[in-house]
């Protein structure tokens, strides 16, 4: 049986769940009320740190689901995303519009990655 490891676990969720060689991250949000650019930067910084803790990095991301509070922010978010993703390492990705936990959140990232 493949072991499941959970890190930064609370009552509602774990920030990192590892099953075998696969890493699942909880949805990451940025500083509430900040611009889409800043919130995206915050999210990607958290993703970098969590993946490093789990033994991986952004070149090993398999899938990313991105939720935007307003699809009108798509280009602004993508400007940050495109600069962050290493060339040749773009994961499978989906992006949609959704109401987030609070109106102050503009973007949320959910990542699945392989261990390095």
N, C-alpha and C. Protein backbone atom coordinates (compact mmCIF):
# COMPACT_ATOMS: atom_id res chain seq x y z
N UNK A 1 0.84 -1.17 0.00
CA UNK A 1 0.00 0.00 0.00
C UNK A 1 0.90 1.25 0.00
N UNK A 2 0.59 2.18 -0.89
CA UNK A 2 1.36 3.41 -0.99
C UNK A 2 0.98 4.36 0.15
N UNK A 3 2.00 4.88 0.80
CA UNK A 3 1.80 5.76 1.95
C UNK A 3 1.27 7.13 1.51
N UNK A 4 0.40 7.70 2.33
CA UNK A 4 -0.09 9.06 2.14
C UNK A 4 0.47 9.90 3.28
N UNK A 5 1.13 11.00 2.92
CA UNK A 5 1.71 11.90 3.91
C UNK A 5 1.02 13.26 3.80
N UNK A 6 0.67 13.83 4.93
CA UNK A 6 0.01 15.14 4.97
C UNK A 6 0.87 16.11 5.78
N UNK A 7 1.00 17.33 5.28
CA UNK A 7 1.79 18.36 5.97
C UNK A 7 0.97 19.63 6.12
N UNK A 8 1.25 20.36 7.20
CA UNK A 8 0.53 21.60 7.50
C UNK A 8 -0.97 21.30 7.52
N UNK A 9 -1.32 20.33 8.34
CA UNK A 9 -2.69 19.83 8.39
C UNK A 9 -3.49 20.53 9.48
N UNK A 10 -4.67 20.94 9.12
CA UNK A 10 -5.62 21.52 10.06
C UNK A 10 -6.89 20.70 10.02
N UNK A 11 -7.91 21.18 10.66
CA UNK A 11 -9.19 20.47 10.70
C UNK A 11 -9.78 20.31 9.30
N UNK A 12 -9.63 21.33 8.47
CA UNK A 12 -10.30 21.37 7.19
C UNK A 12 -9.45 20.87 6.02
N UNK A 13 -8.15 21.07 6.06
CA UNK A 13 -7.32 20.71 4.91
C UNK A 13 -5.86 20.60 5.31
N UNK A 14 -5.12 19.97 4.41
CA UNK A 14 -3.66 19.91 4.50
C UNK A 14 -3.12 20.76 3.35
N UNK A 15 -2.04 21.47 3.60
CA UNK A 15 -1.44 22.27 2.53
C UNK A 15 -0.71 21.40 1.51
N UNK A 16 -0.15 20.26 1.98
CA UNK A 16 0.55 19.33 1.09
C UNK A 16 0.06 17.93 1.41
N UNK A 17 -0.30 17.18 0.37
CA UNK A 17 -0.60 15.75 0.51
C UNK A 17 0.24 15.04 -0.54
N UNK A 18 1.01 14.07 -0.07
CA UNK A 18 1.85 13.30 -0.98
C UNK A 18 1.37 11.85 -0.97
N UNK A 19 1.20 11.30 -2.17
CA UNK A 19 0.80 9.90 -2.34
C UNK A 19 1.77 9.30 -3.35
N UNK A 20 2.63 8.44 -2.87
CA UNK A 20 3.66 7.90 -3.76
C UNK A 20 4.56 9.01 -4.25
N UNK A 21 4.63 9.15 -5.55
CA UNK A 21 5.48 10.17 -6.17
C UNK A 21 4.70 11.41 -6.60
N UNK A 22 3.45 11.51 -6.15
CA UNK A 22 2.59 12.63 -6.56
C UNK A 22 2.31 13.55 -5.38
N UNK A 23 2.41 14.85 -5.63
CA UNK A 23 2.21 15.89 -4.63
C UNK A 23 0.97 16.70 -5.00
N UNK A 24 0.09 16.85 -4.04
CA UNK A 24 -1.12 17.66 -4.22
C UNK A 24 -1.04 18.84 -3.26
N UNK A 25 -1.22 20.04 -3.79
CA UNK A 25 -1.22 21.23 -2.94
C UNK A 25 -2.64 21.75 -2.79
N UNK A 26 -2.95 22.25 -1.61
CA UNK A 26 -4.23 22.93 -1.39
C UNK A 26 -4.25 24.20 -2.23
N UNK A 27 -5.43 24.75 -2.45
CA UNK A 27 -5.53 26.00 -3.19
C UNK A 27 -4.74 27.09 -2.49
N UNK A 28 -3.96 27.83 -3.26
CA UNK A 28 -3.13 28.90 -2.72
C UNK A 28 -3.69 30.24 -3.14
N UNK A 29 -3.83 31.14 -2.17
CA UNK A 29 -4.31 32.50 -2.43
C UNK A 29 -3.24 33.49 -1.96
N UNK A 30 -3.35 34.71 -2.47
CA UNK A 30 -2.39 35.74 -2.11
C UNK A 30 -2.94 36.68 -1.04
N UNK A 31 -2.33 37.83 -0.95
CA UNK A 31 -2.72 38.83 0.04
C UNK A 31 -4.08 39.40 -0.33
N UNK A 32 -5.06 39.20 0.53
CA UNK A 32 -6.41 39.69 0.27
C UNK A 32 -6.40 41.19 0.02
N UNK A 33 -7.09 41.59 -1.03
CA UNK A 33 -7.20 43.00 -1.35
C UNK A 33 -6.10 43.55 -2.25
N UNK A 34 -5.03 42.79 -2.43
CA UNK A 34 -3.94 43.23 -3.30
C UNK A 34 -4.36 43.09 -4.77
N UNK A 35 -3.56 43.61 -5.66
CA UNK A 35 -3.84 43.52 -7.10
C UNK A 35 -3.74 42.06 -7.56
N UNK A 36 -4.28 41.79 -8.73
CA UNK A 36 -4.17 40.45 -9.32
C UNK A 36 -2.70 40.09 -9.49
N UNK A 37 -1.89 41.04 -9.95
CA UNK A 37 -0.46 40.78 -10.12
C UNK A 37 0.17 40.37 -8.80
N UNK A 38 -0.08 41.12 -7.74
CA UNK A 38 0.53 40.80 -6.44
C UNK A 38 0.00 39.48 -5.90
N UNK A 39 -1.30 39.25 -6.01
CA UNK A 39 -1.85 37.99 -5.51
C UNK A 39 -1.28 36.81 -6.28
N UNK A 40 -1.09 36.96 -7.58
CA UNK A 40 -0.49 35.88 -8.37
C UNK A 40 0.94 35.63 -7.94
N UNK A 41 1.71 36.70 -7.75
CA UNK A 41 3.09 36.56 -7.26
C UNK A 41 3.11 35.85 -5.91
N UNK A 42 2.20 36.23 -5.01
CA UNK A 42 2.12 35.60 -3.69
C UNK A 42 1.84 34.11 -3.82
N UNK A 43 0.87 33.77 -4.65
CA UNK A 43 0.50 32.36 -4.84
C UNK A 43 1.68 31.55 -5.37
N UNK A 44 2.35 32.07 -6.36
CA UNK A 44 3.45 31.33 -6.98
C UNK A 44 4.62 31.19 -6.02
N UNK A 45 4.84 32.19 -5.17
CA UNK A 45 5.88 32.09 -4.14
C UNK A 45 5.54 30.98 -3.14
N UNK A 46 4.29 30.91 -2.74
CA UNK A 46 3.86 29.84 -1.83
C UNK A 46 4.00 28.47 -2.48
N UNK A 47 3.63 28.38 -3.75
CA UNK A 47 3.75 27.11 -4.48
C UNK A 47 5.21 26.69 -4.53
N UNK A 48 6.11 27.61 -4.85
CA UNK A 48 7.55 27.29 -4.87
C UNK A 48 7.99 26.71 -3.53
N UNK A 49 7.59 27.36 -2.44
CA UNK A 49 8.02 26.93 -1.10
C UNK A 49 7.43 25.57 -0.74
N UNK A 50 6.15 25.36 -1.00
CA UNK A 50 5.52 24.08 -0.67
C UNK A 50 6.09 22.94 -1.51
N UNK A 51 6.32 23.19 -2.78
CA UNK A 51 6.91 22.14 -3.62
C UNK A 51 8.32 21.79 -3.15
N UNK A 52 9.10 22.80 -2.79
CA UNK A 52 10.46 22.53 -2.29
C UNK A 52 10.39 21.69 -1.02
N UNK A 53 9.48 22.03 -0.13
CA UNK A 53 9.31 21.26 1.11
C UNK A 53 8.94 19.81 0.82
N UNK A 54 8.16 19.60 -0.23
CA UNK A 54 7.69 18.25 -0.59
C UNK A 54 8.69 17.49 -1.48
N UNK A 55 9.79 18.13 -1.83
CA UNK A 55 10.81 17.46 -2.64
C UNK A 55 10.59 17.61 -4.14
N UNK A 56 10.13 18.77 -4.56
CA UNK A 56 9.88 18.99 -5.98
C UNK A 56 10.12 20.46 -6.32
N UNK A 57 9.74 20.85 -7.52
CA UNK A 57 9.83 22.24 -7.95
C UNK A 57 8.89 22.47 -9.11
N UNK A 58 8.81 23.72 -9.57
CA UNK A 58 7.83 24.08 -10.60
C UNK A 58 8.06 23.38 -11.94
N UNK A 59 9.23 22.85 -12.19
CA UNK A 59 9.45 22.12 -13.44
C UNK A 59 8.78 20.75 -13.42
N UNK A 60 8.27 20.33 -12.25
CA UNK A 60 7.65 19.02 -12.08
C UNK A 60 6.12 19.11 -11.93
N UNK A 61 5.56 20.32 -12.15
CA UNK A 61 4.11 20.47 -12.04
C UNK A 61 3.44 19.72 -13.19
N UNK A 62 2.48 18.88 -12.83
CA UNK A 62 1.73 18.11 -13.81
C UNK A 62 0.49 18.86 -14.27
N UNK A 63 -0.19 19.47 -13.30
CA UNK A 63 -1.44 20.16 -13.60
C UNK A 63 -1.60 21.35 -12.67
N UNK A 64 -2.19 22.41 -13.21
CA UNK A 64 -2.53 23.58 -12.41
C UNK A 64 -3.94 24.03 -12.79
N UNK A 65 -4.78 24.20 -11.79
CA UNK A 65 -6.11 24.75 -11.98
C UNK A 65 -6.10 26.14 -11.34
N UNK A 66 -6.52 27.12 -12.11
CA UNK A 66 -6.51 28.51 -11.65
C UNK A 66 -7.94 29.02 -11.64
N UNK A 67 -8.34 29.58 -10.53
CA UNK A 67 -9.64 30.23 -10.42
C UNK A 67 -9.43 31.72 -10.32
N UNK A 68 -10.12 32.47 -11.16
CA UNK A 68 -10.12 33.92 -11.11
C UNK A 68 -11.50 34.40 -10.69
N UNK A 69 -11.55 35.40 -9.84
CA UNK A 69 -12.84 35.99 -9.46
C UNK A 69 -13.48 36.69 -10.65
N UNK A 70 -12.64 37.13 -11.60
CA UNK A 70 -13.12 37.85 -12.78
C UNK A 70 -12.22 37.49 -13.96
N UNK A 71 -12.79 36.86 -14.99
CA UNK A 71 -11.98 36.48 -16.15
C UNK A 71 -11.40 37.70 -16.87
N UNK A 72 -11.87 38.88 -16.53
CA UNK A 72 -11.28 40.10 -17.07
C UNK A 72 -9.84 40.28 -16.60
N UNK A 73 -9.44 39.53 -15.55
CA UNK A 73 -8.07 39.60 -15.02
C UNK A 73 -7.14 38.54 -15.63
N UNK A 74 -7.64 37.81 -16.62
CA UNK A 74 -6.89 36.71 -17.23
C UNK A 74 -5.53 37.15 -17.76
N UNK A 75 -5.48 38.22 -18.51
CA UNK A 75 -4.21 38.68 -19.09
C UNK A 75 -3.22 39.12 -18.02
N UNK A 76 -3.71 39.82 -16.98
CA UNK A 76 -2.83 40.29 -15.90
C UNK A 76 -2.22 39.11 -15.16
N UNK A 77 -3.04 38.10 -14.85
CA UNK A 77 -2.54 36.90 -14.17
C UNK A 77 -1.55 36.16 -15.07
N UNK A 78 -1.89 36.02 -16.36
CA UNK A 78 -1.02 35.30 -17.29
C UNK A 78 0.34 35.96 -17.47
N UNK A 79 0.40 37.28 -17.37
CA UNK A 79 1.69 37.98 -17.50
C UNK A 79 2.65 37.50 -16.41
N UNK A 80 2.15 37.29 -15.21
CA UNK A 80 2.98 36.81 -14.10
C UNK A 80 3.27 35.32 -14.28
N UNK A 81 2.23 34.55 -14.58
CA UNK A 81 2.38 33.10 -14.80
C UNK A 81 3.42 32.81 -15.87
N UNK A 82 3.31 33.48 -17.03
CA UNK A 82 4.21 33.21 -18.16
C UNK A 82 5.67 33.48 -17.81
N UNK A 83 5.92 34.49 -16.97
CA UNK A 83 7.29 34.79 -16.54
C UNK A 83 7.80 33.77 -15.53
N UNK A 84 6.90 33.10 -14.82
CA UNK A 84 7.26 32.15 -13.75
C UNK A 84 7.52 30.74 -14.27
N UNK A 85 6.73 30.29 -15.24
CA UNK A 85 6.85 28.91 -15.74
C UNK A 85 8.09 28.80 -16.64
N UNK A 86 9.01 27.88 -16.29
CA UNK A 86 10.19 27.72 -17.14
C UNK A 86 9.80 27.21 -18.53
N UNK A 87 10.45 27.75 -19.54
CA UNK A 87 10.17 27.34 -20.91
C UNK A 87 10.31 25.82 -21.05
N UNK A 88 9.34 25.22 -21.71
CA UNK A 88 9.36 23.77 -21.91
C UNK A 88 8.77 22.98 -20.75
N UNK A 89 8.30 23.65 -19.71
CA UNK A 89 7.77 22.96 -18.53
C UNK A 89 6.33 23.37 -18.21
N UNK A 90 5.60 23.85 -19.20
CA UNK A 90 4.21 24.25 -18.94
C UNK A 90 3.38 23.00 -18.61
N UNK A 91 2.65 23.04 -17.50
CA UNK A 91 1.82 21.89 -17.13
C UNK A 91 0.49 21.90 -17.88
N UNK A 92 -0.26 20.82 -17.74
CA UNK A 92 -1.66 20.85 -18.15
C UNK A 92 -2.32 21.91 -17.26
N UNK A 93 -3.19 22.73 -17.85
CA UNK A 93 -3.72 23.86 -17.08
C UNK A 93 -5.15 24.15 -17.46
N UNK A 94 -5.91 24.57 -16.48
CA UNK A 94 -7.27 25.06 -16.71
C UNK A 94 -7.43 26.34 -15.93
N UNK A 95 -8.24 27.25 -16.45
CA UNK A 95 -8.51 28.51 -15.75
C UNK A 95 -9.97 28.84 -15.95
N UNK A 96 -10.62 29.16 -14.84
CA UNK A 96 -12.03 29.51 -14.91
C UNK A 96 -12.36 30.60 -13.92
N UNK A 97 -13.61 31.06 -14.00
CA UNK A 97 -14.08 32.11 -13.10
C UNK A 97 -14.92 31.48 -12.00
N UNK A 98 -14.71 31.93 -10.78
CA UNK A 98 -15.47 31.41 -9.64
C UNK A 98 -15.49 32.45 -8.53
N UNK A 99 -16.53 32.40 -7.71
CA UNK A 99 -16.53 33.19 -6.48
C UNK A 99 -15.55 32.53 -5.54
N UNK A 100 -14.60 33.29 -5.03
CA UNK A 100 -13.61 32.75 -4.11
C UNK A 100 -14.08 32.97 -2.67
N UNK A 101 -13.30 32.54 -1.71
CA UNK A 101 -13.71 32.54 -0.30
C UNK A 101 -14.15 33.91 0.20
N UNK A 102 -13.55 34.95 -0.31
CA UNK A 102 -13.91 36.32 0.03
C UNK A 102 -13.72 37.18 -1.22
N UNK A 103 -14.49 38.24 -1.38
CA UNK A 103 -14.32 39.10 -2.55
C UNK A 103 -12.92 39.74 -2.64
N UNK A 104 -12.18 39.72 -1.54
CA UNK A 104 -10.83 40.29 -1.54
C UNK A 104 -9.82 39.38 -2.24
N UNK A 105 -10.18 38.13 -2.46
CA UNK A 105 -9.31 37.23 -3.22
C UNK A 105 -9.68 37.31 -4.69
N UNK A 106 -8.65 37.46 -5.52
CA UNK A 106 -8.87 37.59 -6.95
C UNK A 106 -8.42 36.38 -7.74
N UNK A 107 -7.55 35.54 -7.13
CA UNK A 107 -7.00 34.39 -7.84
C UNK A 107 -6.65 33.29 -6.84
N UNK A 108 -6.80 32.05 -7.29
CA UNK A 108 -6.42 30.89 -6.48
C UNK A 108 -5.82 29.84 -7.41
N UNK A 109 -4.73 29.23 -6.96
CA UNK A 109 -4.01 28.21 -7.74
C UNK A 109 -4.07 26.87 -7.01
N UNK A 110 -4.37 25.81 -7.75
CA UNK A 110 -4.38 24.45 -7.23
C UNK A 110 -3.41 23.64 -8.09
N UNK A 111 -2.43 22.98 -7.44
CA UNK A 111 -1.33 22.34 -8.16
C UNK A 111 -1.21 20.86 -7.80
N UNK A 112 -0.92 20.07 -8.82
CA UNK A 112 -0.51 18.67 -8.66
C UNK A 112 0.85 18.54 -9.33
N UNK A 113 1.80 17.94 -8.63
CA UNK A 113 3.16 17.83 -9.15
C UNK A 113 3.75 16.44 -8.86
N UNK A 114 4.80 16.12 -9.58
CA UNK A 114 5.55 14.90 -9.34
C UNK A 114 6.75 15.23 -8.45
N UNK A 115 7.15 14.27 -7.63
CA UNK A 115 8.37 14.45 -6.85
C UNK A 115 9.55 14.52 -7.80
N UNK A 116 10.57 15.22 -7.35
CA UNK A 116 11.78 15.37 -8.18
C UNK A 116 12.60 14.09 -8.13
